[in-house]
Each structure stands twice: as C-alpha cells, then as structure tokens.
C-alpha cells in the first residue's frame, strides 16, 4: 500500500511539474526578458530626452539678434522686397544711384540642402547702378559682406568717353528655405 501511495505522489508531483510549474517558469523567464527590453527602451528614451534637452538649451541660448541674423542669412520665405531694400541701402551708403530691379524665381527639380534634405528656392535679381570703378568695387565688397547668402552671377558694364562713371548691370542669385 505504501508503494501505491508513493507512486501516486510521484505521479501527482510529475503532473504538477509538467502542467503548472514548468509553464509558469517559462512564462516568468519570458517576462524577465520582456522586462529587460522595456528597461533598455526606457533608458534609451531617457538618454534621448537628455540629448533633446541639451539641444533645446543650446537653441534657447541663441540670442534673438543672432536668430534674426540667421533668418536674414537664409530666410524661410522669398522676401525679395527686403532684399531690394537692403541692396538699395548699401548703394545709398556709397551715394550710388541704383534702379532697374528685375526679379526672376528659378525653378530647379532637386533643390535640397543639409542633412534634413530641406527644400530651398532660388531667386535671380538683376539691377543697374552707375558709379566710378572704386565706388562700384566698394559696393560689391558690401554685397559680399552682407548677411544674406547670395552669388553674383553676372556683371556687365557700359562706358562712355566723356566721364569715368560706368553703367553696371549686376545679376545676383539668392536663396530661401521652402
């Protein structure tokens, strides 16, 4: 009789192991693995938040004047009127008459810039100015030093025998973020 009770107890123990203990143990191991993945994801998100906060602090540390200069360098709209006013002010500082402004938006198929692959547009602006060579050269240096990114794409001039004043036709290309 004691042998039968021993065999029944062993069978119950084996059944309990295979039907309850082993599946529960496997589920606990899977839960531990899942917990470690969640812990790793949580740590990564904390690191990303720290990086974001660091960049946000750097962004907020940029003064309003510096931000304005950055927007002037590469504006987020075409703003050709402001560009014309800036060029006119540069010419006036050298007492140069300027006029004949003509703007032409250039459309190109693949205008992207930077790692973010942000689209940008281009604008060709033509104007004429009358000046002697030294005054025109000073005006060109001011254009070169302006905050707005621009390329001088063409300069043509007409001369006359009667004076040292030349008529210059200048074409520049400038950019803006779309």
N, C-alpha and C. Protein backbone atom coordinates (compact mmCIF):
# COMPACT_ATOMS: atom_id res chain seq x y z
N UNK A 1 0.81 -1.18 0.00
CA UNK A 1 0.00 0.00 0.00
C UNK A 1 0.86 1.26 0.00
N UNK A 2 1.96 1.21 0.73
CA UNK A 2 2.82 2.38 0.76
C UNK A 2 3.48 2.60 -0.60
N UNK A 3 3.68 1.50 -1.35
CA UNK A 3 4.24 1.66 -2.69
C UNK A 3 3.25 2.39 -3.61
N UNK A 4 2.00 2.07 -3.48
CA UNK A 4 0.97 2.69 -4.33
C UNK A 4 0.87 4.17 -3.98
N UNK A 5 0.90 4.51 -2.70
CA UNK A 5 0.84 5.92 -2.28
C UNK A 5 2.08 6.65 -2.80
N UNK A 6 3.22 6.03 -2.76
CA UNK A 6 4.45 6.66 -3.27
C UNK A 6 4.33 6.89 -4.76
N UNK A 7 3.83 5.91 -5.49
CA UNK A 7 3.68 6.04 -6.95
C UNK A 7 2.67 7.15 -7.25
N UNK A 8 1.58 7.24 -6.54
CA UNK A 8 0.57 8.28 -6.75
C UNK A 8 1.17 9.65 -6.44
N UNK A 9 1.93 9.76 -5.36
CA UNK A 9 2.56 11.03 -5.02
C UNK A 9 3.58 11.45 -6.09
N UNK A 10 4.34 10.50 -6.60
CA UNK A 10 5.30 10.80 -7.67
C UNK A 10 4.56 11.24 -8.93
N UNK A 11 3.46 10.58 -9.28
CA UNK A 11 2.68 10.94 -10.47
C UNK A 11 2.06 12.32 -10.31
N UNK A 12 1.53 12.61 -9.13
CA UNK A 12 0.96 13.94 -8.86
C UNK A 12 2.06 14.99 -8.94
N UNK A 13 3.22 14.69 -8.40
CA UNK A 13 4.34 15.64 -8.46
C UNK A 13 4.76 15.88 -9.90
N UNK A 14 4.87 14.82 -10.69
CA UNK A 14 5.26 14.97 -12.10
C UNK A 14 4.20 15.75 -12.86
N UNK A 15 2.94 15.43 -12.63
CA UNK A 15 1.84 16.15 -13.29
C UNK A 15 1.84 17.62 -12.93
N UNK A 16 2.04 17.91 -11.65
CA UNK A 16 2.10 19.29 -11.18
C UNK A 16 3.28 20.01 -11.84
N UNK A 17 4.40 19.32 -11.95
CA UNK A 17 5.58 19.95 -12.57
C UNK A 17 5.30 20.28 -14.04
N UNK A 18 4.81 19.28 -14.79
CA UNK A 18 4.63 19.48 -16.23
C UNK A 18 3.41 20.33 -16.57
N UNK A 19 2.39 20.33 -15.76
CA UNK A 19 1.18 21.08 -16.07
C UNK A 19 1.17 22.48 -15.47
N UNK A 20 1.90 22.73 -14.39
CA UNK A 20 1.83 24.03 -13.75
C UNK A 20 3.20 24.69 -13.58
N UNK A 21 4.14 24.00 -12.95
CA UNK A 21 5.42 24.62 -12.59
C UNK A 21 6.23 24.97 -13.83
N UNK A 22 6.41 24.05 -14.78
CA UNK A 22 7.24 24.31 -15.96
C UNK A 22 6.65 25.43 -16.83
N UNK A 23 5.35 25.43 -17.17
CA UNK A 23 4.81 26.55 -17.96
C UNK A 23 4.93 27.89 -17.23
N UNK A 24 4.73 27.88 -15.92
CA UNK A 24 4.86 29.12 -15.15
C UNK A 24 6.30 29.59 -15.14
N UNK A 25 7.24 28.66 -15.04
CA UNK A 25 8.66 29.02 -15.05
C UNK A 25 9.05 29.62 -16.40
N UNK A 26 8.58 29.03 -17.51
CA UNK A 26 8.86 29.56 -18.85
C UNK A 26 8.24 30.95 -19.00
N UNK A 27 7.02 31.14 -18.51
CA UNK A 27 6.38 32.46 -18.60
C UNK A 27 7.15 33.50 -17.79
N UNK A 28 7.67 33.10 -16.65
CA UNK A 28 8.46 34.03 -15.82
C UNK A 28 9.75 34.42 -16.54
N UNK A 29 10.42 33.44 -17.19
CA UNK A 29 11.65 33.75 -17.94
C UNK A 29 11.34 34.71 -19.08
N UNK A 30 10.23 34.49 -19.80
CA UNK A 30 9.84 35.39 -20.89
C UNK A 30 9.53 36.79 -20.36
N UNK A 31 8.86 36.86 -19.22
CA UNK A 31 8.55 38.16 -18.61
C UNK A 31 9.81 38.90 -18.20
N UNK A 32 10.83 38.16 -17.71
CA UNK A 32 12.10 38.80 -17.35
C UNK A 32 12.79 39.37 -18.59
N UNK A 33 12.77 38.61 -19.70
CA UNK A 33 13.37 39.10 -20.94
C UNK A 33 12.63 40.35 -21.42
N UNK A 34 11.31 40.30 -21.38
CA UNK A 34 10.50 41.45 -21.80
C UNK A 34 10.76 42.65 -20.90
N UNK A 35 10.90 42.40 -19.59
CA UNK A 35 11.19 43.48 -18.65
C UNK A 35 12.54 44.12 -18.97
N UNK A 36 13.55 43.30 -19.29
CA UNK A 36 14.86 43.86 -19.61
C UNK A 36 14.80 44.68 -20.90
N UNK A 37 14.00 44.26 -21.87
CA UNK A 37 13.83 45.05 -23.10
C UNK A 37 13.16 46.38 -22.80
N UNK A 38 12.13 46.36 -21.96
CA UNK A 38 11.47 47.60 -21.58
C UNK A 38 12.40 48.52 -20.79
N UNK A 39 13.20 47.93 -19.93
CA UNK A 39 14.17 48.73 -19.16
C UNK A 39 15.18 49.37 -20.10
N UNK A 40 15.67 48.62 -21.10
CA UNK A 40 16.61 49.16 -22.07
C UNK A 40 15.96 50.28 -22.89
N UNK A 41 14.71 50.08 -23.30
CA UNK A 41 13.99 51.11 -24.05
C UNK A 41 13.78 52.36 -23.20
N UNK A 42 13.47 52.17 -21.93
CA UNK A 42 13.28 53.30 -21.03
C UNK A 42 14.59 54.08 -20.86
N UNK A 43 15.69 53.35 -20.70
CA UNK A 43 17.00 54.02 -20.58
C UNK A 43 17.34 54.78 -21.85
N UNK A 44 17.06 54.18 -23.01
CA UNK A 44 17.32 54.87 -24.28
C UNK A 44 16.47 56.13 -24.39
N UNK A 45 15.20 56.04 -23.97
CA UNK A 45 14.35 57.23 -24.05
C UNK A 45 14.84 58.32 -23.11
N UNK A 46 15.36 57.93 -21.95
CA UNK A 46 15.92 58.94 -21.03
C UNK A 46 17.15 59.60 -21.64
N UNK A 47 17.99 58.82 -22.32
CA UNK A 47 19.16 59.40 -22.99
C UNK A 47 18.72 60.33 -24.11
N UNK A 48 17.71 59.94 -24.88
CA UNK A 48 17.21 60.80 -25.95
C UNK A 48 16.61 62.09 -25.39
N UNK A 49 15.90 61.98 -24.28
CA UNK A 49 15.36 63.18 -23.66
C UNK A 49 16.48 64.09 -23.18
N UNK A 50 17.53 63.52 -22.64
CA UNK A 50 18.67 64.33 -22.19
C UNK A 50 19.32 65.03 -23.39
N UNK A 51 19.50 64.32 -24.49
CA UNK A 51 20.06 64.93 -25.70
C UNK A 51 19.14 66.03 -26.23
N UNK A 52 17.83 65.75 -26.26
CA UNK A 52 16.88 66.75 -26.72
C UNK A 52 16.96 67.99 -25.84
N UNK A 53 17.00 67.79 -24.53
CA UNK A 53 17.08 68.92 -23.61
C UNK A 53 18.37 69.71 -23.80
N UNK A 54 19.46 68.99 -24.08
CA UNK A 54 20.74 69.67 -24.32
C UNK A 54 20.65 70.55 -25.57
N UNK A 55 20.08 69.99 -26.65
CA UNK A 55 19.94 70.78 -27.88
C UNK A 55 18.94 71.90 -27.71
N UNK A 56 17.89 71.67 -26.94
CA UNK A 56 16.92 72.71 -26.69
C UNK A 56 17.55 73.85 -25.90
N UNK A 57 18.41 73.51 -24.94
CA UNK A 57 19.14 74.55 -24.19
C UNK A 57 20.05 75.35 -25.10
N UNK A 58 20.73 74.64 -26.02
CA UNK A 58 21.58 75.36 -26.97
C UNK A 58 20.75 76.26 -27.87
N UNK A 59 19.61 75.76 -28.33
CA UNK A 59 18.73 76.56 -29.19
C UNK A 59 18.22 77.78 -28.44
N UNK A 60 17.81 77.59 -27.19
CA UNK A 60 17.31 78.71 -26.40
C UNK A 60 18.42 79.69 -26.03
N UNK A 61 19.68 79.24 -26.05
CA UNK A 61 20.80 80.12 -25.72
C UNK A 61 21.13 81.08 -26.87
N UNK A 62 20.63 80.79 -28.07
CA UNK A 62 20.86 81.68 -29.21
C UNK A 62 20.06 82.95 -28.98
N UNK A 63 20.74 84.07 -29.03
CA UNK A 63 20.08 85.35 -28.77
C UNK A 63 19.13 85.69 -29.91
N UNK A 64 18.19 86.56 -29.61
CA UNK A 64 17.22 87.00 -30.62
C UNK A 64 17.93 87.68 -31.79
N UNK A 65 18.98 88.42 -31.50
CA UNK A 65 19.72 89.11 -32.55
C UNK A 65 20.42 88.10 -33.46
N UNK A 66 21.02 87.05 -32.86
CA UNK A 66 21.66 86.02 -33.67
C UNK A 66 20.63 85.24 -34.49
N UNK A 67 19.47 84.98 -33.92
CA UNK A 67 18.42 84.29 -34.64
C UNK A 67 17.95 85.13 -35.83
N UNK A 68 17.84 86.43 -35.60
CA UNK A 68 17.46 87.34 -36.68
C UNK A 68 18.51 87.33 -37.79
N UNK A 69 19.79 87.29 -37.40
CA UNK A 69 20.86 87.22 -38.40
C UNK A 69 20.80 85.92 -39.19
N UNK A 70 20.51 84.81 -38.50
CA UNK A 70 20.37 83.53 -39.20
C UNK A 70 19.21 83.56 -40.19
N UNK A 71 18.11 84.15 -39.78
CA UNK A 71 16.96 84.24 -40.68
C UNK A 71 17.23 85.18 -41.84
N UNK A 72 18.08 86.18 -41.61
CA UNK A 72 18.44 87.07 -42.71
C UNK A 72 19.36 86.35 -43.69
N UNK A 73 20.25 85.50 -43.15
CA UNK A 73 21.18 84.76 -43.99
C UNK A 73 20.45 83.80 -44.93
N UNK A 74 19.54 83.04 -44.39
CA UNK A 74 18.79 82.07 -45.18
C UNK A 74 17.33 82.12 -44.71
N UNK A 75 16.57 83.08 -45.27
CA UNK A 75 15.19 83.28 -44.80
C UNK A 75 14.30 82.09 -45.15
N UNK A 76 13.15 82.05 -44.48
CA UNK A 76 12.22 80.96 -44.75
C UNK A 76 11.12 81.37 -45.72
N UNK A 77 11.26 82.54 -46.34
CA UNK A 77 10.38 82.95 -47.43
C UNK A 77 11.19 83.76 -48.43
N UNK A 78 10.61 84.04 -49.57
CA UNK A 78 11.37 84.67 -50.66
C UNK A 78 11.81 86.10 -50.30
N UNK A 79 10.93 86.93 -49.79
CA UNK A 79 11.22 88.27 -49.28
C UNK A 79 12.14 89.08 -50.19
N UNK A 80 11.78 89.14 -51.49
CA UNK A 80 12.61 89.91 -52.42
C UNK A 80 12.50 91.41 -52.18
N UNK A 81 11.43 91.89 -51.58
CA UNK A 81 11.30 93.32 -51.28
C UNK A 81 12.34 93.72 -50.25
N UNK A 82 12.50 92.91 -49.20
CA UNK A 82 13.52 93.22 -48.17
C UNK A 82 14.92 93.19 -48.78
N UNK A 83 15.16 92.24 -49.69
CA UNK A 83 16.47 92.15 -50.35
C UNK A 83 16.73 93.41 -51.18
N UNK A 84 15.74 93.86 -51.92
CA UNK A 84 15.89 95.08 -52.73
C UNK A 84 16.17 96.28 -51.83
N UNK A 85 15.47 96.36 -50.72
CA UNK A 85 15.69 97.48 -49.78
C UNK A 85 17.10 97.42 -49.22
N UNK A 86 17.58 96.23 -48.87
CA UNK A 86 18.95 96.09 -48.34
C UNK A 86 19.99 96.51 -49.38
N UNK A 87 19.81 96.08 -50.61
CA UNK A 87 20.75 96.45 -51.68
C UNK A 87 20.71 97.95 -51.93
N UNK A 88 19.51 98.52 -51.92
CA UNK A 88 19.37 99.96 -52.12
C UNK A 88 20.06 100.73 -51.00
N UNK A 89 19.96 100.25 -49.75
CA UNK A 89 20.64 100.92 -48.63
C UNK A 89 22.16 100.84 -48.78
N UNK A 90 22.66 99.68 -49.26
CA UNK A 90 24.10 99.57 -49.50
C UNK A 90 24.56 100.55 -50.57
N UNK A 91 23.78 100.68 -51.63
CA UNK A 91 24.13 101.60 -52.71
C UNK A 91 24.08 103.05 -52.22
N UNK A 92 23.08 103.37 -51.43
CA UNK A 92 22.96 104.74 -50.90
C UNK A 92 24.13 105.10 -49.99
N UNK A 93 24.66 104.09 -49.28
CA UNK A 93 25.80 104.39 -48.40
C UNK A 93 27.03 104.80 -49.21
N UNK A 94 27.06 104.47 -50.48
CA UNK A 94 28.15 104.87 -51.38
C UNK A 94 27.71 105.97 -52.34
N UNK A 95 26.53 106.54 -52.10
CA UNK A 95 25.95 107.58 -52.95
C UNK A 95 25.83 107.13 -54.41
N UNK A 96 25.37 105.93 -54.61
CA UNK A 96 25.21 105.37 -55.95
C UNK A 96 23.74 105.31 -56.33
N UNK A 97 23.40 105.80 -57.53
CA UNK A 97 22.02 105.64 -57.99
C UNK A 97 21.83 104.19 -58.47
N UNK A 98 20.77 103.56 -58.01
CA UNK A 98 20.52 102.17 -58.35
C UNK A 98 19.07 102.05 -58.80
N UNK A 99 18.82 101.17 -59.72
CA UNK A 99 17.45 101.00 -60.21
C UNK A 99 17.37 99.83 -61.16
N UNK A 100 16.24 99.76 -61.85
CA UNK A 100 16.03 98.70 -62.84
C UNK A 100 15.99 97.31 -62.22
N UNK A 101 15.42 97.19 -61.04
CA UNK A 101 15.36 95.88 -60.38
C UNK A 101 14.43 94.96 -61.16
N UNK A 102 14.88 93.75 -61.34
CA UNK A 102 14.06 92.73 -62.01
C UNK A 102 14.30 91.40 -61.30
N UNK A 103 13.23 90.80 -60.79
CA UNK A 103 13.34 89.54 -60.04
C UNK A 103 12.78 88.40 -60.87
N UNK A 104 13.47 87.25 -60.80
CA UNK A 104 13.03 86.06 -61.53
C UNK A 104 13.28 84.85 -60.64
N UNK A 105 12.20 84.16 -60.30
CA UNK A 105 12.32 82.95 -59.49
C UNK A 105 12.79 81.81 -60.39
N UNK A 106 13.81 81.10 -59.91
CA UNK A 106 14.36 79.98 -60.67
C UNK A 106 13.77 78.70 -60.10
N UNK A 107 13.25 77.86 -60.97
CA UNK A 107 12.72 76.57 -60.51
C UNK A 107 13.64 75.47 -61.01
N UNK A 108 14.15 74.71 -60.08
CA UNK A 108 15.01 73.58 -60.39
C UNK A 108 14.38 72.35 -59.77
N UNK A 109 14.66 71.19 -60.32
CA UNK A 109 13.96 69.98 -59.91
C UNK A 109 14.42 69.45 -58.56
N UNK A 110 15.69 69.58 -58.21
CA UNK A 110 16.17 68.96 -56.98
C UNK A 110 16.90 69.97 -56.11
N UNK A 111 16.15 70.83 -55.48
CA UNK A 111 16.72 71.83 -54.57
C UNK A 111 16.59 71.36 -53.14
N UNK A 112 17.62 70.68 -52.63
CA UNK A 112 17.60 70.27 -51.23
C UNK A 112 18.94 70.63 -50.60
N UNK A 113 18.89 70.91 -49.30
CA UNK A 113 20.09 71.34 -48.60
C UNK A 113 20.12 70.68 -47.22
N UNK A 114 21.31 70.36 -46.75
CA UNK A 114 21.51 69.88 -45.39
C UNK A 114 21.14 68.42 -45.19
N UNK A 115 21.42 67.96 -43.99
CA UNK A 115 21.14 66.57 -43.64
C UNK A 115 19.64 66.29 -43.62
N UNK A 116 18.85 67.32 -43.33
CA UNK A 116 17.40 67.15 -43.29
C UNK A 116 16.79 67.16 -44.69
N UNK A 117 17.64 67.41 -45.70
CA UNK A 117 17.20 67.43 -47.10
C UNK A 117 16.04 68.41 -47.29
N UNK A 118 16.18 69.62 -46.71
CA UNK A 118 15.13 70.62 -46.78
C UNK A 118 15.17 71.32 -48.14
N UNK A 119 14.00 71.52 -48.71
CA UNK A 119 13.89 72.20 -49.99
C UNK A 119 14.27 73.67 -49.84
N UNK A 120 14.87 74.22 -50.91
CA UNK A 120 15.13 75.65 -50.94
C UNK A 120 14.82 76.17 -52.33
N UNK A 121 14.57 77.45 -52.39
CA UNK A 121 14.28 78.11 -53.66
C UNK A 121 15.37 79.10 -53.98
N UNK A 122 15.43 79.49 -55.25
CA UNK A 122 16.42 80.47 -55.68
C UNK A 122 15.73 81.61 -56.40
N UNK A 123 16.34 82.76 -56.33
CA UNK A 123 15.81 83.96 -56.97
C UNK A 123 16.96 84.68 -57.65
N UNK A 124 16.80 84.99 -58.92
CA UNK A 124 17.76 85.83 -59.63
C UNK A 124 17.23 87.26 -59.58
N UNK A 125 18.09 88.18 -59.16
CA UNK A 125 17.72 89.58 -59.06
C UNK A 125 18.72 90.38 -59.88
N UNK A 126 18.21 91.14 -60.84
CA UNK A 126 19.06 91.99 -61.68
C UNK A 126 18.78 93.44 -61.33
N UNK A 127 19.83 94.26 -61.40
CA UNK A 127 19.68 95.69 -61.17
C UNK A 127 20.82 96.40 -61.89
N UNK A 128 20.67 97.72 -62.01
CA UNK A 128 21.72 98.52 -62.64
C UNK A 128 22.15 99.62 -61.67
N UNK A 129 23.42 99.98 -61.80
CA UNK A 129 23.98 101.02 -60.94
C UNK A 129 25.01 101.80 -61.76
N UNK A 130 25.07 103.11 -61.53
CA UNK A 130 26.05 103.97 -62.20
C UNK A 130 27.06 104.45 -61.17
N UNK A 131 28.37 104.22 -61.46
CA UNK A 131 29.39 104.59 -60.49
C UNK A 131 30.76 104.56 -61.16
N UNK A 132 31.72 105.20 -60.49
CA UNK A 132 33.10 105.02 -60.94
C UNK A 132 33.57 103.66 -60.42
N UNK A 133 34.70 103.21 -60.90
CA UNK A 133 35.14 101.85 -60.59
C UNK A 133 35.36 101.64 -59.09
N UNK A 134 36.00 102.59 -58.42
CA UNK A 134 36.30 102.42 -56.99
C UNK A 134 35.02 102.36 -56.14
N UNK A 135 34.06 103.22 -56.45
CA UNK A 135 32.80 103.20 -55.71
C UNK A 135 32.06 101.88 -55.98
N UNK A 136 32.07 101.42 -57.23
CA UNK A 136 31.41 100.15 -57.56
C UNK A 136 32.09 99.00 -56.83
N UNK A 137 33.42 99.02 -56.78
CA UNK A 137 34.15 97.97 -56.08
C UNK A 137 33.80 97.95 -54.59
N UNK A 138 33.68 99.11 -53.97
CA UNK A 138 33.28 99.20 -52.55
C UNK A 138 31.87 98.65 -52.36
N UNK A 139 30.98 98.97 -53.30
CA UNK A 139 29.61 98.47 -53.24
C UNK A 139 29.60 96.94 -53.36
N UNK A 140 30.41 96.39 -54.24
CA UNK A 140 30.49 94.93 -54.40
C UNK A 140 31.03 94.27 -53.13
N UNK A 141 31.98 94.92 -52.47
CA UNK A 141 32.50 94.37 -51.21
C UNK A 141 31.42 94.37 -50.14
N UNK A 142 30.58 95.40 -50.12
CA UNK A 142 29.47 95.42 -49.17
C UNK A 142 28.48 94.29 -49.47
N UNK A 143 28.22 94.05 -50.75
CA UNK A 143 27.35 92.92 -51.11
C UNK A 143 27.96 91.60 -50.64
N UNK A 144 29.27 91.49 -50.80
CA UNK A 144 29.98 90.27 -50.39
C UNK A 144 29.88 90.06 -48.88
N UNK A 145 29.91 91.13 -48.12
CA UNK A 145 29.89 91.02 -46.66
C UNK A 145 28.48 90.99 -46.08
N UNK A 146 27.47 91.11 -46.92
CA UNK A 146 26.11 91.12 -46.38
C UNK A 146 25.77 89.76 -45.77
N UNK A 147 24.86 89.75 -44.83
CA UNK A 147 24.49 88.51 -44.16
C UNK A 147 23.73 87.56 -45.08
N UNK A 148 22.99 88.10 -46.01
CA UNK A 148 22.18 87.28 -46.91
C UNK A 148 23.10 86.49 -47.84
N UNK A 149 22.86 85.20 -47.95
CA UNK A 149 23.65 84.38 -48.87
C UNK A 149 23.24 84.73 -50.29
N UNK A 150 24.22 85.16 -51.07
CA UNK A 150 23.95 85.48 -52.47
C UNK A 150 25.19 85.24 -53.30
N UNK A 151 24.96 84.93 -54.55
CA UNK A 151 26.03 84.73 -55.52
C UNK A 151 25.88 85.77 -56.61
N UNK A 152 26.97 86.42 -56.97
CA UNK A 152 26.95 87.34 -58.11
C UNK A 152 27.17 86.48 -59.34
N UNK A 153 26.15 86.43 -60.20
CA UNK A 153 26.22 85.55 -61.36
C UNK A 153 26.62 86.28 -62.63
N UNK A 154 26.44 87.60 -62.65
CA UNK A 154 26.78 88.33 -63.88
C UNK A 154 27.03 89.79 -63.56
N UNK A 155 28.06 90.35 -64.20
CA UNK A 155 28.32 91.79 -64.15
C UNK A 155 28.65 92.24 -65.57
N UNK A 156 27.93 93.22 -66.04
CA UNK A 156 28.20 93.82 -67.35
C UNK A 156 28.33 95.32 -67.14
N UNK A 157 29.11 95.95 -68.00
CA UNK A 157 29.24 97.39 -67.86
C UNK A 157 29.32 98.06 -69.22
N UNK A 158 28.89 99.32 -69.22
CA UNK A 158 28.98 100.19 -70.40
C UNK A 158 29.79 101.40 -70.00
N UNK A 159 30.63 101.87 -70.91
CA UNK A 159 31.45 103.04 -70.62
C UNK A 159 31.19 104.10 -71.67
N UNK A 160 31.56 105.30 -71.30
CA UNK A 160 31.48 106.41 -72.25
C UNK A 160 32.81 107.15 -72.20
N UNK A 161 33.15 107.81 -73.29
CA UNK A 161 34.42 108.53 -73.36
C UNK A 161 34.40 109.82 -72.54
N UNK A 162 33.23 110.32 -72.24
CA UNK A 162 33.15 111.64 -71.61
C UNK A 162 33.32 111.64 -70.09
N UNK A 163 33.14 110.48 -69.41
CA UNK A 163 33.25 110.50 -67.95
C UNK A 163 33.86 109.19 -67.45
N UNK A 164 34.20 109.20 -66.18
CA UNK A 164 34.76 108.00 -65.57
C UNK A 164 33.68 107.19 -64.85
N UNK A 165 32.42 107.55 -65.09
CA UNK A 165 31.30 106.85 -64.49
C UNK A 165 30.82 105.79 -65.48
N UNK A 166 30.68 104.57 -64.98
CA UNK A 166 30.24 103.45 -65.81
C UNK A 166 28.85 103.02 -65.38
N UNK A 167 28.12 102.45 -66.33
CA UNK A 167 26.82 101.87 -66.03
C UNK A 167 27.01 100.36 -65.90
N UNK A 168 26.73 99.83 -64.72
CA UNK A 168 26.91 98.40 -64.43
C UNK A 168 25.55 97.72 -64.36
N UNK A 169 25.48 96.54 -64.94
CA UNK A 169 24.30 95.68 -64.80
C UNK A 169 24.74 94.45 -64.01
N UNK A 170 24.12 94.22 -62.90
CA UNK A 170 24.52 93.15 -61.99
C UNK A 170 23.36 92.17 -61.83
N UNK A 171 23.68 90.89 -61.85
CA UNK A 171 22.69 89.86 -61.56
C UNK A 171 23.21 89.03 -60.40
N UNK A 172 22.37 88.86 -59.40
CA UNK A 172 22.73 88.06 -58.24
C UNK A 172 21.72 86.92 -58.08
N UNK A 173 22.14 85.88 -57.42
CA UNK A 173 21.24 84.77 -57.08
C UNK A 173 21.23 84.63 -55.57
N UNK A 174 20.04 84.55 -55.01
CA UNK A 174 19.89 84.38 -53.57
C UNK A 174 18.97 83.19 -53.30
N UNK A 175 18.94 82.76 -52.05
CA UNK A 175 18.28 81.51 -51.70
C UNK A 175 17.34 81.72 -50.51
N UNK A 176 16.35 80.87 -50.39
CA UNK A 176 15.47 80.85 -49.22
C UNK A 176 14.98 79.43 -49.00
N UNK A 177 14.67 79.13 -47.74
CA UNK A 177 14.14 77.80 -47.40
C UNK A 177 12.66 77.74 -47.72
N UNK A 178 12.24 76.63 -48.29
CA UNK A 178 10.80 76.48 -48.60
C UNK A 178 10.08 75.88 -47.43
